[in-house]
Protein backbone atom coordinates (compact mmCIF):
# COMPACT_ATOMS: atom_id res chain seq x y z
CA UNK A 1 106.34 52.06 42.00
CA UNK A 2 103.52 50.97 39.58
CA UNK A 3 101.48 53.45 37.77
CA UNK A 4 98.32 52.41 39.70
CA UNK A 5 100.19 53.06 42.94
CA UNK A 6 101.38 56.44 41.77
CA UNK A 7 97.76 57.39 40.73
CA UNK A 8 96.39 56.20 44.19
CA UNK A 9 99.12 58.12 45.98
CA UNK A 10 98.31 61.29 43.94
CA UNK A 11 94.56 60.84 44.85
CA UNK A 12 95.46 60.63 48.54
CA UNK A 13 97.73 63.60 48.38
CA UNK A 14 95.17 65.69 46.65
CA UNK A 15 93.15 67.56 49.24
CA UNK A 16 89.60 68.18 48.30
CA UNK A 17 88.58 71.84 48.88
CA UNK A 18 85.24 72.47 50.58
CA UNK A 19 84.12 74.11 47.50
CA UNK A 20 84.94 70.97 45.53
CA UNK A 21 83.13 68.86 48.17
CA UNK A 22 80.12 71.12 47.94
CA UNK A 23 79.98 70.58 44.11
CA UNK A 24 80.40 66.89 44.51
CA UNK A 25 77.62 66.80 47.15
CA UNK A 26 75.19 68.76 45.00
CA UNK A 27 75.71 66.19 42.22
CA UNK A 28 75.36 63.16 44.61
CA UNK A 29 72.23 64.48 46.34
CA UNK A 30 69.92 66.05 43.78
CA UNK A 31 67.11 68.11 45.26
CA UNK A 32 69.07 68.96 48.44
CA UNK A 33 70.14 72.54 49.13
CA UNK A 34 73.93 72.49 49.58
CA UNK A 35 75.51 75.52 51.43
CA UNK A 36 78.79 76.50 52.96
CA UNK A 37 78.20 78.42 56.14
CA UNK A 38 81.34 79.89 57.92
CA UNK A 39 83.48 77.11 56.47
CA UNK A 40 81.00 74.37 57.25
CA UNK A 41 79.29 72.27 54.52
CA UNK A 42 75.65 71.64 54.97
CA UNK A 43 72.91 69.90 52.98
CA UNK A 44 69.21 70.39 53.45
CA UNK A 45 66.68 67.82 52.16
CA UNK A 46 63.81 69.01 49.92
CA UNK A 47 61.01 70.97 51.67
CA UNK A 48 57.88 69.46 52.95
CA UNK A 49 54.45 70.63 51.90
CA UNK A 50 53.82 73.40 54.57
CA UNK A 51 57.37 74.80 53.87
CA UNK A 52 56.55 74.79 50.03
CA UNK A 53 53.15 76.55 50.68
CA UNK A 54 54.73 79.12 52.85
CA UNK A 55 57.04 80.16 50.04
CA UNK A 56 54.06 80.23 47.59
CA UNK A 57 52.18 82.41 50.06
CA UNK A 58 55.24 84.83 50.23
CA UNK A 59 55.20 85.21 46.46
CA UNK A 60 51.57 86.13 46.60
CA UNK A 61 52.10 88.48 49.39
CA UNK A 62 54.80 90.34 47.63
CA UNK A 63 52.98 90.34 44.38
CA UNK A 64 50.07 92.05 46.21
CA UNK A 65 52.40 94.58 47.56
CA UNK A 66 53.52 95.62 44.00
CA UNK A 67 57.11 94.74 44.66
CA UNK A 68 57.92 94.74 40.83
CA UNK A 69 56.59 98.21 40.52
CA UNK A 70 58.99 99.20 43.21
CA UNK A 71 61.96 97.91 41.14
CA UNK A 72 62.30 94.68 43.11
CA UNK A 73 62.05 90.86 42.40
CA UNK A 74 61.04 88.08 44.69
CA UNK A 75 62.95 84.96 44.15
CA UNK A 76 63.32 81.47 45.77
CA UNK A 77 66.57 79.47 46.13
CA UNK A 78 68.93 82.07 44.68
CA UNK A 79 72.50 81.94 45.96
CA UNK A 80 73.84 84.58 48.31
CA UNK A 81 77.60 85.08 48.40
CA UNK A 82 78.70 85.54 52.12
CA UNK A 83 81.72 87.53 53.45
CA UNK A 84 82.26 84.99 56.31
CA UNK A 85 84.73 82.73 54.41
CA UNK A 86 86.35 82.53 51.04
CA UNK A 87 83.85 79.80 49.87
CA UNK A 88 80.96 80.73 51.89
CA UNK A 89 77.38 80.95 50.40
CA UNK A 90 73.88 80.45 51.46
CA UNK A 91 70.67 79.64 49.37
CA UNK A 92 67.92 81.34 51.17
CA UNK A 93 64.36 80.00 50.75
CA UNK A 94 63.00 83.35 49.77
CA UNK A 95 64.48 86.74 48.94
CA UNK A 96 63.48 90.22 47.95
CA UNK A 97 66.15 91.63 45.53
CA UNK A 98 67.08 94.55 43.43
CA UNK A 99 65.47 94.17 39.89
CA UNK A 100 68.99 94.06 38.37
CA UNK A 101 70.32 91.41 40.64
CA UNK A 102 71.47 89.27 37.72
CA UNK A 103 74.13 91.84 36.86
CA UNK A 104 75.77 91.21 40.34
CA UNK A 105 76.57 87.53 40.07
CA UNK A 106 79.75 86.51 41.94
CA UNK A 107 80.15 82.84 41.22
CA UNK A 108 78.56 79.53 41.49
CA UNK A 109 75.18 81.10 40.70
CA UNK A 110 75.36 83.36 43.72
CA UNK A 111 74.84 87.05 43.82
CA UNK A 112 76.45 89.87 45.80
CA UNK A 113 74.90 90.58 49.22
CA UNK A 114 74.15 94.19 48.45
CA UNK A 115 71.40 93.40 46.04
CA UNK A 116 69.29 91.58 48.80
CA UNK A 117 66.68 93.66 50.55
CA UNK A 118 65.14 90.81 52.59
CA UNK A 119 65.85 87.06 53.16
CA UNK A 120 63.41 84.63 54.62
CA UNK A 121 64.10 81.16 55.90
CA UNK A 122 61.46 78.60 56.86
CA UNK A 123 63.04 76.14 59.11
CA UNK A 124 63.21 72.37 58.34
CA UNK A 125 65.67 69.88 59.71
CA UNK A 126 68.50 72.31 59.73
CA UNK A 127 66.60 74.73 62.01
CA UNK A 128 69.68 75.39 64.25
CA UNK A 129 71.56 76.91 61.23
CA UNK A 130 68.54 79.22 60.49
CA UNK A 131 68.41 80.70 63.94
CA UNK A 132 72.05 80.55 64.70
CA UNK A 133 74.90 80.76 62.13
CA UNK A 134 72.65 82.34 59.38
CA UNK A 135 71.70 85.14 61.65
CA UNK A 136 75.44 85.82 62.14
CA UNK A 137 76.22 85.41 58.48
CA UNK A 138 73.41 87.52 57.14
CA UNK A 139 74.24 90.31 59.57
CA UNK A 140 77.84 90.24 58.55
CA UNK A 141 76.65 90.28 54.97
CA UNK A 142 74.57 93.47 55.72
CA UNK A 143 71.27 91.96 54.73
CA UNK A 144 68.90 94.64 55.92
CA UNK A 145 66.08 92.37 57.00
CA UNK A 146 66.06 88.62 57.86
CA UNK A 147 62.80 86.75 58.87
CA UNK A 148 62.84 83.32 60.17
CA UNK A 149 59.84 81.11 60.25
CA UNK A 150 60.85 79.12 63.23
CA UNK A 151 58.67 75.92 62.94
CA UNK A 152 60.70 74.19 65.53
CA UNK A 153 59.76 76.71 68.20
CA UNK A 154 56.43 77.68 66.63
CA UNK A 155 57.36 81.36 66.21
CA UNK A 156 58.75 83.86 63.83
CA UNK A 157 61.67 86.15 64.35
CA UNK A 158 62.47 89.41 62.74
CA UNK A 159 66.14 90.60 62.49
CA UNK A 160 66.92 94.05 61.15
CA UNK A 161 69.24 96.97 61.30
CA UNK A 162 72.65 95.18 60.84
CA UNK A 163 75.58 97.25 62.18
CA UNK A 164 78.99 96.23 63.15
CA UNK A 165 78.25 92.56 61.96
CA UNK A 166 75.30 92.02 64.01
CA UNK A 167 71.52 92.75 63.95
CA UNK A 168 70.63 95.59 66.33
CA UNK A 169 67.00 94.61 66.39
CA UNK A 170 65.66 90.98 66.98
CA UNK A 171 61.97 90.54 67.81
CA UNK A 172 59.89 87.33 68.32
CA UNK A 173 56.38 87.13 67.03
CA UNK A 174 53.80 84.45 68.06
CA UNK A 175 50.89 82.86 66.39
CA UNK A 176 48.05 85.32 65.81
CA UNK A 177 50.46 88.15 65.21
CA UNK A 178 51.71 89.88 62.23
CA UNK A 179 55.23 91.06 61.52
CA UNK A 180 55.32 94.59 60.10
CA UNK A 181 58.42 94.62 57.75
CA UNK A 182 60.55 97.81 57.82
CA UNK A 183 59.48 99.93 54.79
CA UNK A 184 63.18 100.45 54.06
CA UNK A 185 62.92 97.20 52.04
CA UNK A 186 61.05 99.17 49.46
CA UNK A 187 57.54 98.12 49.93
CA UNK A 188 54.91 98.11 52.66
CA UNK A 189 54.20 94.43 53.88
CA UNK A 190 53.00 92.63 56.87
CA UNK A 191 53.53 89.01 57.26
CA UNK A 192 51.13 86.81 59.25
CA UNK A 193 52.95 84.48 61.54
CA UNK A 194 50.51 81.55 61.12
CA UNK A 195 50.75 81.60 57.35
CA UNK A 196 54.63 81.72 57.52
CA UNK A 197 54.60 78.71 59.71
CA UNK A 198 51.86 76.69 58.14
CA UNK A 199 51.88 77.95 54.54
CA UNK A 200 48.10 78.14 54.34
CA UNK A 201 44.90 78.52 56.26
CA UNK A 202 43.83 75.42 58.24
């Protein structure tokens, strides 16, 4: 057998792991958010303007609430290591984390779930993941509060009190309403549904 054929056979026999596929996809699709959710590889395109403005508004909201004074930080696009699979991780749109979260890095720029107090996802083309598999994954990771700005259904969802791998509380909020976040996150904050969905006043 020629050397070229041997190399080709070796390439065919080498099974690419999902983690390797995620790394390759991240390189091939710059600007996309690549995640592994319960063993499934996903890639989300860059955010649109309203999505980006919603995240900017969240930063302003938690700044006004003195989150830093409470020993917390608010971050965008920081990896969260998940317990649902050996390579599982998510990259939430927005998170409220312990101030020392950088000391709890697991791998692949992802951090341990127990430093996250709050996670927020603003839905885009992958909306079904945000309202489905991520609810399950974040509950299993013990994330205390998960807020979904569900632009597909024009509403917001608050998930809290994770126990036995599920959120015991799940409430839906409509436009014109505000979401009172549990004070257990460390700060007192209410989130206006319209601003979560639109990112700005119209």
